[in-house]
């Protein structure tokens, strides 16, 4: 058995291997969270300025402390 096999090995979460929006439900939920019915409406909202998006690096997400809204905990300084 090599270092990447055996009962103690865990290669990572499901999302890590499937991509950002792998399934139809995930895409629908993502668009619902944006307030759009479909991708063309989301683009229209973005281009009209009604919606703004920004890309954040993994380091910035870690620094912000929000990784998933299901596991968010506000920590006092």
C-alpha atoms as a PDB file:
ATOM      1  CA  UNK A   1       0.000   0.000   0.000  1.00  0.00           C
ATOM      2  CA  UNK A   2       1.316   3.403  -0.989  1.00  0.00           C
ATOM      3  CA  UNK A   3       0.939   6.697   0.840  1.00  0.00           C
ATOM      4  CA  UNK A   4      -2.247   7.504  -1.078  1.00  0.00           C
ATOM      5  CA  UNK A   5      -4.223   4.415  -0.172  1.00  0.00           C
ATOM      6  CA  UNK A   6      -5.507   2.585   2.841  1.00  0.00           C
ATOM      7  CA  UNK A   7      -8.175   3.181   5.457  1.00  0.00           C
ATOM      8  CA  UNK A   8      -6.714   6.466   6.761  1.00  0.00           C
ATOM      9  CA  UNK A   9      -6.500   8.166   3.378  1.00  0.00           C
ATOM     10  CA  UNK A  10      -9.133  10.741   2.459  1.00  0.00           C
ATOM     11  CA  UNK A  11      -8.542  12.494  -0.883  1.00  0.00           C
ATOM     12  CA  UNK A  12     -10.766  15.482  -0.143  1.00  0.00           C
ATOM     13  CA  UNK A  13     -14.368  16.506  -0.354  1.00  0.00           C
ATOM     14  CA  UNK A  14     -16.798  15.730  -3.129  1.00  0.00           C
ATOM     15  CA  UNK A  15     -16.831  19.318  -4.420  1.00  0.00           C
ATOM     16  CA  UNK A  16     -13.065  19.358  -4.747  1.00  0.00           C
ATOM     17  CA  UNK A  17     -13.252  16.661  -7.409  1.00  0.00           C
ATOM     18  CA  UNK A  18     -16.468  17.598  -9.197  1.00  0.00           C
ATOM     19  CA  UNK A  19     -15.992  21.318  -9.768  1.00  0.00           C
ATOM     20  CA  UNK A  20     -17.898  24.389  -8.680  1.00  0.00           C
ATOM     21  CA  UNK A  21     -21.368  23.603 -10.052  1.00  0.00           C
ATOM     22  CA  UNK A  22     -21.489  19.913 -10.893  1.00  0.00           C
ATOM     23  CA  UNK A  23     -25.175  19.109 -10.703  1.00  0.00           C
ATOM     24  CA  UNK A  24     -28.381  20.698 -11.913  1.00  0.00           C
ATOM     25  CA  UNK A  25     -29.667  21.290  -8.383  1.00  0.00           C
ATOM     26  CA  UNK A  26     -26.476  23.116  -7.465  1.00  0.00           C
ATOM     27  CA  UNK A  27     -26.761  25.360 -10.529  1.00  0.00           C
ATOM     28  CA  UNK A  28     -30.404  26.130  -9.798  1.00  0.00           C
ATOM     29  CA  UNK A  29     -29.612  26.926  -6.167  1.00  0.00           C
ATOM     30  CA  UNK A  30     -26.696  29.120  -7.226  1.00  0.00           C
ATOM     31  CA  UNK A  31     -28.888  31.113  -9.621  1.00  0.00           C
ATOM     32  CA  UNK A  32     -31.638  31.374  -7.002  1.00  0.00           C
ATOM     33  CA  UNK A  33     -29.129  32.810  -4.550  1.00  0.00           C
ATOM     34  CA  UNK A  34     -28.192  35.404  -7.181  1.00  0.00           C
ATOM     35  CA  UNK A  35     -31.842  36.283  -7.743  1.00  0.00           C
ATOM     36  CA  UNK A  36     -31.953  35.051 -11.342  1.00  0.00           C
ATOM     37  CA  UNK A  37     -34.066  32.429 -13.107  1.00  0.00           C
ATOM     38  CA  UNK A  38     -31.390  31.387 -15.580  1.00  0.00           C
ATOM     39  CA  UNK A  39     -27.849  32.195 -16.658  1.00  0.00           C
ATOM     40  CA  UNK A  40     -28.951  34.751 -19.269  1.00  0.00           C
ATOM     41  CA  UNK A  41     -30.867  36.715 -16.625  1.00  0.00           C
ATOM     42  CA  UNK A  42     -27.848  36.539 -14.303  1.00  0.00           C
ATOM     43  CA  UNK A  43     -25.665  37.969 -17.082  1.00  0.00           C
ATOM     44  CA  UNK A  44     -28.202  40.734 -17.727  1.00  0.00           C
ATOM     45  CA  UNK A  45     -28.195  41.657 -14.033  1.00  0.00           C
ATOM     46  CA  UNK A  46     -24.405  41.679 -14.015  1.00  0.00           C
ATOM     47  CA  UNK A  47     -24.003  43.784 -17.168  1.00  0.00           C
ATOM     48  CA  UNK A  48     -26.693  46.286 -16.122  1.00  0.00           C
ATOM     49  CA  UNK A  49     -24.947  46.900 -12.804  1.00  0.00           C
ATOM     50  CA  UNK A  50     -27.833  45.542 -10.705  1.00  0.00           C
ATOM     51  CA  UNK A  51     -25.579  42.780  -9.429  1.00  0.00           C
ATOM     52  CA  UNK A  52     -21.891  42.883  -8.633  1.00  0.00           C
ATOM     53  CA  UNK A  53     -19.540  39.944  -8.275  1.00  0.00           C
ATOM     54  CA  UNK A  54     -15.941  39.690  -7.237  1.00  0.00           C
ATOM     55  CA  UNK A  55     -13.454  36.881  -7.361  1.00  0.00           C
ATOM     56  CA  UNK A  56     -11.714  35.957  -4.133  1.00  0.00           C
ATOM     57  CA  UNK A  57      -8.660  33.804  -3.751  1.00  0.00           C
ATOM     58  CA  UNK A  58      -8.685  30.849  -1.404  1.00  0.00           C
ATOM     59  CA  UNK A  59      -6.383  32.802   0.920  1.00  0.00           C
ATOM     60  CA  UNK A  60      -8.828  35.722   1.012  1.00  0.00           C
ATOM     61  CA  UNK A  61     -11.717  33.384   1.789  1.00  0.00           C
ATOM     62  CA  UNK A  62      -9.707  31.817   4.595  1.00  0.00           C
ATOM     63  CA  UNK A  63      -8.791  35.230   5.990  1.00  0.00           C
ATOM     64  CA  UNK A  64     -12.440  36.303   5.875  1.00  0.00           C
ATOM     65  CA  UNK A  65     -13.452  33.189   7.790  1.00  0.00           C
ATOM     66  CA  UNK A  66     -16.429  32.354   5.547  1.00  0.00           C
ATOM     67  CA  UNK A  67     -16.054  29.089   3.653  1.00  0.00           C
ATOM     68  CA  UNK A  68     -19.612  27.854   3.499  1.00  0.00           C
ATOM     69  CA  UNK A  69     -22.712  29.501   4.868  1.00  0.00           C
ATOM     70  CA  UNK A  70     -23.656  26.235   6.544  1.00  0.00           C
ATOM     71  CA  UNK A  71     -20.517  26.346   8.698  1.00  0.00           C
ATOM     72  CA  UNK A  72     -20.146  30.088   9.284  1.00  0.00           C
ATOM     73  CA  UNK A  73     -19.145  31.089  12.806  1.00  0.00           C
ATOM     74  CA  UNK A  74     -18.466  34.706  13.689  1.00  0.00           C
ATOM     75  CA  UNK A  75     -15.363  34.758  15.843  1.00  0.00           C
ATOM     76  CA  UNK A  76     -14.572  37.762  18.040  1.00  0.00           C
ATOM     77  CA  UNK A  77     -11.127  39.294  17.686  1.00  0.00           C
END
